[in-house]
């Protein structure tokens, strides 16, 4: 007799169709979990104006079995909570300055009874909370105790291990509270999934008592969008150096100078910058003229097509972002596409991740001349046969990543059932 599908309730700051990076992981898990007999439901803050239109897109682009419960509605970018009034916005800004990342624990704690109502209606077998913000985990802890359900804490980024998320300024006085809070997550969660291998290694040393329930699940790329390096688009004329996502302003300017230097040597090259406009975009336009293109921020599917159309792809982090432990999802997509990669100021995690790919150009705070030389080498590689990345594609497709998640979830539920018996 065929077993009934299991149900998972995922708590994430945002979800499809929100274009922000924080929605990608949960969206891809929800898209592929039904293939592994897991029915996902999502609790999040809603972005967008028309929930009916969102529901149609959800069924078409994610999965018709996915259900969404919105605990709040907001037009604010990223994972910011809804600004209900000027006074509440001011209070939120003040609380954020005083509490840092822990302010999110206050927000989600206030949402706990709405989350409880959603959980009772949906009847999940397991709960999963995904951070950042790290404060979202309070609702997972509370619900797992209240409903006697297994709880999985998913860390897309590190918390205290990452300088970007540590208490700074006034919130520094909350270090002891932050450390106790993080330790409580490792003590209470049934399973702790880490997106970053470096974060998982740190956690196993820091919280040795939880070593047996720490797992690693790096992000992936959507294999349903054509990123096969053997299937390149037709040449539209000239070479295209493309950046996708966040780029440091200084790094973008150095990149523009390098492209301009290549153009002066007679190479037909242009710079295509996909993402939010930088403050110095006008200066870059003045420098490069028609050789720079800025389509703006585009949906994730279109961003993947931009990668496929590129000749060389560039990741350029600012010094502040380089301090973090992150692996940019775009870097994974760059590798899967088989494109020559130039990584400017990569994080420590990204350097380790790029180590198997000897053809990747890794530069630290390069001069325009050094960057132009790296681009020239990468453009030469683009004219040769694309590298064989099939093993990487098989391992890091979102289908494969979600199959690994489903296996972990089955272990959690099965081991709990064994204990009960």
Foldseek 3Di string as FASTA:
>chain_A
DDDAFAEEEEEFAEEPPQQDPSHVLVQLLCQQVVVVRYQYEYEYEYEDDDVVVRLVCCCVPRNPSYHYDYLYYDNDHDSDGHPPDPVVVVVLVVCCLQAPLLVLLVVLVVSLVVVLVVCVVVVHQEYEYEDDSPSNCNSQLVNCVVVVHAYEYEYQFAACVWPVRADDDNNVVCNVVVVVVVLVCLVRHLAYEYQFPVRLVVCCVVNVVSNVRYYYFHAFAAVVADLALVDADDDPDFAEEEEAEDADPVQVVLQLLLQLVVVVVPGRYAYEYEEADDPCVVVSCVSQPPRYHYPYHDHPSVSLVVLRHHQEYEAHDDPVVQSTRHDDNVVNSNVSSLAAYEYESHHPRNCVVCVVPVRHHYYYPDGSVVVSVNVVSRNVVSVDRRDDCVVSNVCRHSNNSSVVVSVSVVVSSVVVVVVVD
